[in-house]
């Protein structure tokens, strides 16, 4: 099931913006799939599981296309049967609402593989 966050625009942080605090990002985190977690109040992490390498690679390519389209790039770790994602806004050195929007869009992409 996709979060309404996935329909929000991915907007870069305004100049001088500060990273979200745990109180500010808690509601966004609750809207994501259960595998997402915030690490060190700095970045989002999730691992998506697949039946084989081909599925993991196809998902990675779709996430890459999304990242290029939105110009917001996660760190992606591809291995047999799984893809690890780390997401944060490098410009502000932490989490921004756009990171949660991207995570929700990745969940939406993954949902198509999980059917």
N, C-alpha and C. Protein backbone atom coordinates (compact mmCIF):
# COMPACT_ATOMS: atom_id res chain seq x y z
N UNK A 1 0.84 -1.17 0.00
CA UNK A 1 0.00 0.00 0.00
C UNK A 1 0.89 1.25 0.00
N UNK A 2 0.58 2.15 -0.88
CA UNK A 2 1.41 3.33 -1.07
C UNK A 2 0.98 4.47 -0.16
N UNK A 3 1.95 5.20 0.33
CA UNK A 3 1.72 6.35 1.20
C UNK A 3 1.35 7.57 0.36
N UNK A 4 0.47 8.45 0.87
CA UNK A 4 0.20 9.71 0.18
C UNK A 4 1.45 10.56 -0.02
N UNK A 5 2.46 10.32 0.79
CA UNK A 5 3.73 11.04 0.61
C UNK A 5 4.30 10.85 -0.79
N UNK A 6 4.04 9.69 -1.39
CA UNK A 6 4.58 9.39 -2.72
C UNK A 6 4.04 10.34 -3.78
N UNK A 7 2.93 11.00 -3.50
CA UNK A 7 2.33 11.93 -4.46
C UNK A 7 2.80 13.37 -4.25
N UNK A 8 3.56 13.61 -3.21
CA UNK A 8 4.06 14.95 -2.93
C UNK A 8 5.24 15.26 -3.85
N UNK A 9 5.49 16.55 -4.12
CA UNK A 9 6.65 16.90 -4.95
C UNK A 9 7.96 16.74 -4.16
N UNK A 10 9.01 16.45 -4.88
CA UNK A 10 10.35 16.40 -4.28
C UNK A 10 10.95 17.78 -4.47
N UNK A 11 11.04 18.51 -3.37
CA UNK A 11 11.54 19.87 -3.44
C UNK A 11 12.84 19.97 -2.66
N UNK A 12 13.85 20.62 -3.23
CA UNK A 12 15.11 20.76 -2.51
C UNK A 12 14.94 21.64 -1.27
N UNK A 13 15.82 21.43 -0.33
CA UNK A 13 15.81 22.25 0.89
C UNK A 13 16.14 23.70 0.53
N UNK A 14 15.42 24.61 1.16
CA UNK A 14 15.70 26.03 0.96
C UNK A 14 17.09 26.35 1.51
N UNK A 15 17.70 27.39 0.95
CA UNK A 15 19.00 27.82 1.46
C UNK A 15 18.87 28.16 2.94
N UNK A 16 19.78 27.64 3.73
CA UNK A 16 19.77 27.88 5.16
C UNK A 16 18.86 26.94 5.95
N UNK A 17 18.22 25.99 5.26
CA UNK A 17 17.33 25.04 5.95
C UNK A 17 18.14 24.15 6.89
N UNK A 18 17.50 23.76 7.95
CA UNK A 18 18.10 22.84 8.92
C UNK A 18 17.49 21.45 8.74
N UNK A 19 18.23 20.41 9.07
CA UNK A 19 17.66 19.06 9.01
C UNK A 19 16.47 18.93 9.96
N UNK A 20 15.55 18.04 9.60
CA UNK A 20 14.39 17.78 10.45
C UNK A 20 14.84 17.17 11.77
N UNK A 21 14.13 17.52 12.84
CA UNK A 21 14.36 16.90 14.14
C UNK A 21 13.51 15.64 14.24
N UNK A 22 13.75 14.83 15.26
CA UNK A 22 12.96 13.60 15.40
C UNK A 22 11.47 13.89 15.55
N UNK A 23 11.11 14.97 16.23
CA UNK A 23 9.70 15.34 16.34
C UNK A 23 9.12 15.73 14.98
N UNK A 24 9.93 16.37 14.15
CA UNK A 24 9.46 16.81 12.83
C UNK A 24 9.34 15.65 11.84
N UNK A 25 10.22 14.66 11.93
CA UNK A 25 10.15 13.57 10.94
C UNK A 25 9.34 12.36 11.39
N UNK A 26 8.91 12.30 12.63
CA UNK A 26 8.21 11.12 13.16
C UNK A 26 6.96 10.78 12.36
N UNK A 27 6.14 11.76 12.02
CA UNK A 27 4.92 11.48 11.26
C UNK A 27 5.25 10.97 9.86
N UNK A 28 6.28 11.53 9.23
CA UNK A 28 6.68 11.07 7.90
C UNK A 28 7.16 9.62 7.96
N UNK A 29 7.95 9.30 8.95
CA UNK A 29 8.47 7.94 9.09
C UNK A 29 7.33 6.94 9.26
N UNK A 30 6.31 7.33 10.00
CA UNK A 30 5.17 6.45 10.23
C UNK A 30 4.40 6.14 8.94
N UNK A 31 4.56 6.98 7.92
CA UNK A 31 3.87 6.77 6.65
C UNK A 31 4.63 5.84 5.71
N UNK A 32 5.86 5.50 6.04
CA UNK A 32 6.67 4.65 5.17
C UNK A 32 6.48 3.18 5.51
N UNK A 33 6.99 2.32 4.61
CA UNK A 33 6.96 0.89 4.86
C UNK A 33 7.73 0.54 6.12
N UNK A 34 7.48 -0.65 6.65
CA UNK A 34 8.04 -1.03 7.95
C UNK A 34 9.56 -1.21 7.98
N UNK A 35 10.18 -1.31 6.82
CA UNK A 35 11.63 -1.53 6.80
C UNK A 35 12.44 -0.25 6.95
N UNK A 36 11.80 0.90 6.80
CA UNK A 36 12.52 2.16 6.90
C UNK A 36 12.78 2.52 8.35
N UNK A 37 13.99 3.01 8.59
CA UNK A 37 14.34 3.54 9.90
C UNK A 37 15.23 4.75 9.73
N UNK A 38 15.18 5.62 10.73
CA UNK A 38 16.08 6.77 10.75
C UNK A 38 17.29 6.37 11.58
N UNK A 39 18.47 6.60 11.05
CA UNK A 39 19.71 6.24 11.72
C UNK A 39 20.43 7.51 12.15
N UNK A 40 20.73 7.57 13.44
CA UNK A 40 21.49 8.69 14.02
C UNK A 40 20.89 10.06 13.73
N UNK A 41 19.57 10.14 13.61
CA UNK A 41 18.89 11.40 13.27
C UNK A 41 19.51 12.04 12.03
N UNK A 42 20.06 11.22 11.14
CA UNK A 42 20.79 11.74 9.99
C UNK A 42 20.28 11.25 8.66
N UNK A 43 19.96 9.95 8.56
CA UNK A 43 19.55 9.41 7.27
C UNK A 43 18.53 8.28 7.44
N UNK A 44 17.84 8.02 6.34
CA UNK A 44 16.91 6.90 6.27
C UNK A 44 17.62 5.69 5.71
N UNK A 45 17.26 4.52 6.20
CA UNK A 45 17.79 3.25 5.66
C UNK A 45 16.66 2.26 5.53
N UNK A 46 16.73 1.47 4.46
CA UNK A 46 15.81 0.35 4.28
C UNK A 46 16.50 -0.70 3.42
N UNK A 47 16.07 -1.94 3.58
CA UNK A 47 16.54 -3.03 2.73
C UNK A 47 15.31 -3.69 2.12
N UNK A 48 15.32 -3.77 0.80
CA UNK A 48 14.24 -4.42 0.06
C UNK A 48 14.72 -5.80 -0.36
N UNK A 49 13.89 -6.81 -0.18
CA UNK A 49 14.26 -8.19 -0.51
C UNK A 49 13.57 -8.66 -1.78
N UNK A 50 14.31 -9.48 -2.54
CA UNK A 50 13.84 -10.00 -3.83
C UNK A 50 14.13 -11.49 -3.91
N UNK A 51 13.48 -12.15 -4.85
CA UNK A 51 13.68 -13.59 -5.03
C UNK A 51 14.97 -13.93 -5.76
N UNK A 52 15.56 -12.94 -6.43
CA UNK A 52 16.76 -13.22 -7.21
C UNK A 52 17.52 -11.93 -7.50
N UNK A 53 18.62 -12.06 -8.18
CA UNK A 53 19.43 -10.89 -8.52
C UNK A 53 18.74 -10.03 -9.57
N UNK A 54 18.07 -10.67 -10.53
CA UNK A 54 17.43 -9.92 -11.62
C UNK A 54 16.38 -8.94 -11.08
N UNK A 55 15.58 -9.38 -10.13
CA UNK A 55 14.58 -8.49 -9.54
C UNK A 55 15.22 -7.34 -8.79
N UNK A 56 16.27 -7.64 -8.04
CA UNK A 56 16.98 -6.60 -7.30
C UNK A 56 17.60 -5.58 -8.26
N UNK A 57 18.16 -6.06 -9.35
CA UNK A 57 18.77 -5.17 -10.34
C UNK A 57 17.72 -4.31 -11.03
N UNK A 58 16.60 -4.90 -11.40
CA UNK A 58 15.54 -4.13 -12.05
C UNK A 58 15.03 -3.03 -11.13
N UNK A 59 14.83 -3.35 -9.84
CA UNK A 59 14.41 -2.36 -8.86
C UNK A 59 15.45 -1.25 -8.74
N UNK A 60 16.71 -1.62 -8.67
CA UNK A 60 17.80 -0.65 -8.58
C UNK A 60 17.76 0.31 -9.76
N UNK A 61 17.54 -0.23 -10.95
CA UNK A 61 17.47 0.62 -12.14
C UNK A 61 16.28 1.57 -12.09
N UNK A 62 15.14 1.11 -11.59
CA UNK A 62 13.98 2.00 -11.47
C UNK A 62 14.22 3.09 -10.44
N UNK A 63 14.85 2.74 -9.33
CA UNK A 63 15.19 3.75 -8.32
C UNK A 63 16.19 4.75 -8.90
N UNK A 64 17.13 4.26 -9.69
CA UNK A 64 18.09 5.15 -10.34
C UNK A 64 17.41 6.13 -11.29
N UNK A 65 16.44 5.64 -12.05
CA UNK A 65 15.69 6.52 -12.95
C UNK A 65 14.92 7.58 -12.17
N UNK A 66 14.30 7.17 -11.08
CA UNK A 66 13.58 8.11 -10.21
C UNK A 66 14.55 9.17 -9.67
N UNK A 67 15.70 8.73 -9.20
CA UNK A 67 16.69 9.65 -8.64
C UNK A 67 17.15 10.68 -9.68
N UNK A 68 17.37 10.24 -10.89
CA UNK A 68 17.79 11.16 -11.95
C UNK A 68 16.66 12.13 -12.29
N UNK A 69 15.44 11.62 -12.35
CA UNK A 69 14.28 12.45 -12.67
C UNK A 69 14.09 13.55 -11.63
N UNK A 70 14.25 13.21 -10.37
CA UNK A 70 14.03 14.16 -9.28
C UNK A 70 15.30 14.87 -8.83
N UNK A 71 16.43 14.44 -9.35
CA UNK A 71 17.74 14.97 -8.98
C UNK A 71 17.94 14.91 -7.46
N UNK A 72 17.59 13.73 -6.91
CA UNK A 72 17.75 13.48 -5.48
C UNK A 72 18.20 12.02 -5.36
N UNK A 73 19.47 11.82 -5.07
CA UNK A 73 20.12 10.52 -5.25
C UNK A 73 20.43 9.80 -3.94
N UNK A 74 19.89 8.60 -3.78
CA UNK A 74 20.22 7.80 -2.60
C UNK A 74 21.53 7.04 -2.81
N UNK A 75 22.08 6.53 -1.73
CA UNK A 75 23.14 5.54 -1.85
C UNK A 75 22.43 4.19 -2.00
N UNK A 76 22.84 3.43 -2.99
CA UNK A 76 22.19 2.15 -3.29
C UNK A 76 23.21 1.04 -3.18
N UNK A 77 22.86 -0.02 -2.46
CA UNK A 77 23.74 -1.17 -2.27
C UNK A 77 23.03 -2.40 -2.82
N UNK A 78 23.50 -2.89 -3.96
CA UNK A 78 22.88 -4.02 -4.66
C UNK A 78 23.65 -5.30 -4.37
N UNK A 79 22.91 -6.33 -4.00
CA UNK A 79 23.51 -7.66 -3.86
C UNK A 79 22.45 -8.68 -4.26
N UNK A 80 22.83 -9.95 -4.28
CA UNK A 80 21.89 -10.98 -4.68
C UNK A 80 20.69 -10.98 -3.74
N UNK A 81 19.51 -10.72 -4.30
CA UNK A 81 18.28 -10.82 -3.54
C UNK A 81 17.96 -9.65 -2.63
N UNK A 82 18.75 -8.59 -2.64
CA UNK A 82 18.39 -7.45 -1.82
C UNK A 82 19.03 -6.16 -2.32
N UNK A 83 18.35 -5.08 -1.98
CA UNK A 83 18.83 -3.74 -2.30
C UNK A 83 18.73 -2.90 -1.03
N UNK A 84 19.85 -2.36 -0.60
CA UNK A 84 19.87 -1.46 0.55
C UNK A 84 19.88 -0.03 0.07
N UNK A 85 19.12 0.81 0.74
CA UNK A 85 19.02 2.22 0.39
C UNK A 85 19.36 3.07 1.60
N UNK A 86 20.16 4.09 1.38
CA UNK A 86 20.42 5.14 2.37
C UNK A 86 20.04 6.46 1.71
N UNK A 87 19.25 7.27 2.42
CA UNK A 87 18.72 8.49 1.83
C UNK A 87 18.83 9.64 2.82
N UNK A 88 19.40 10.75 2.38
CA UNK A 88 19.40 11.99 3.16
C UNK A 88 19.70 13.14 2.21
N UNK A 89 19.49 14.33 2.69
CA UNK A 89 19.75 15.53 1.87
C UNK A 89 21.15 16.02 2.17
N UNK A 90 22.04 15.79 1.25
CA UNK A 90 23.44 16.12 1.43
C UNK A 90 23.66 17.61 1.68
N UNK A 91 22.85 18.45 1.01
CA UNK A 91 23.03 19.90 1.14
C UNK A 91 22.85 20.40 2.56
N UNK A 92 22.00 19.72 3.34
CA UNK A 92 21.77 20.17 4.72
C UNK A 92 22.36 19.20 5.73
N UNK A 93 22.96 18.12 5.26
CA UNK A 93 23.62 17.18 6.15
C UNK A 93 22.67 16.41 7.05
N UNK A 94 21.46 16.14 6.54
CA UNK A 94 20.49 15.40 7.33
C UNK A 94 19.20 15.22 6.57
N UNK A 95 18.14 15.01 7.31
CA UNK A 95 16.85 14.68 6.71
C UNK A 95 16.01 15.91 6.37
N UNK A 96 15.36 15.81 5.22
CA UNK A 96 14.43 16.82 4.74
C UNK A 96 13.17 16.08 4.31
N UNK A 97 12.07 16.77 4.22
CA UNK A 97 10.82 16.13 3.80
C UNK A 97 10.97 15.39 2.48
N UNK A 98 11.77 15.92 1.57
CA UNK A 98 11.96 15.28 0.26
C UNK A 98 12.55 13.87 0.38
N UNK A 99 13.32 13.61 1.43
CA UNK A 99 13.87 12.26 1.63
C UNK A 99 12.74 11.27 1.90
N UNK A 100 11.76 11.68 2.64
CA UNK A 100 10.63 10.82 2.96
C UNK A 100 9.73 10.63 1.74
N UNK A 101 9.60 11.67 0.92
CA UNK A 101 8.84 11.55 -0.32
C UNK A 101 9.52 10.54 -1.23
N UNK A 102 10.83 10.63 -1.37
CA UNK A 102 11.57 9.67 -2.20
C UNK A 102 11.43 8.25 -1.65
N UNK A 103 11.51 8.10 -0.34
CA UNK A 103 11.36 6.78 0.27
C UNK A 103 9.98 6.21 -0.03
N UNK A 104 8.95 7.04 0.06
CA UNK A 104 7.60 6.59 -0.24
C UNK A 104 7.47 6.18 -1.70
N UNK A 105 8.15 6.89 -2.59
CA UNK A 105 8.12 6.52 -4.01
C UNK A 105 8.86 5.20 -4.24
N UNK A 106 9.94 4.97 -3.50
CA UNK A 106 10.64 3.69 -3.61
C UNK A 106 9.75 2.56 -3.11
N UNK A 107 9.01 2.80 -2.03
CA UNK A 107 8.06 1.80 -1.54
C UNK A 107 7.03 1.48 -2.63
N UNK A 108 6.56 2.51 -3.32
CA UNK A 108 5.58 2.31 -4.39
C UNK A 108 6.17 1.45 -5.51
N UNK A 109 7.41 1.73 -5.88
CA UNK A 109 8.07 0.91 -6.91
C UNK A 109 8.17 -0.53 -6.43
N UNK A 110 8.59 -0.71 -5.19
CA UNK A 110 8.75 -2.06 -4.63
C UNK A 110 7.43 -2.82 -4.59
N UNK A 111 6.34 -2.12 -4.29
CA UNK A 111 5.03 -2.76 -4.23
C UNK A 111 4.71 -3.49 -5.53
N UNK A 112 5.17 -2.96 -6.65
CA UNK A 112 4.93 -3.61 -7.95
C UNK A 112 5.67 -4.94 -8.06
N UNK A 113 6.80 -5.08 -7.36
CA UNK A 113 7.57 -6.32 -7.36
C UNK A 113 7.02 -7.33 -6.37
N UNK A 114 6.32 -6.83 -5.37
CA UNK A 114 5.85 -7.67 -4.28
C UNK A 114 4.49 -8.31 -4.57
N UNK A 115 3.87 -7.98 -5.72
CA UNK A 115 2.55 -8.54 -6.04
C UNK A 115 2.61 -9.98 -6.45
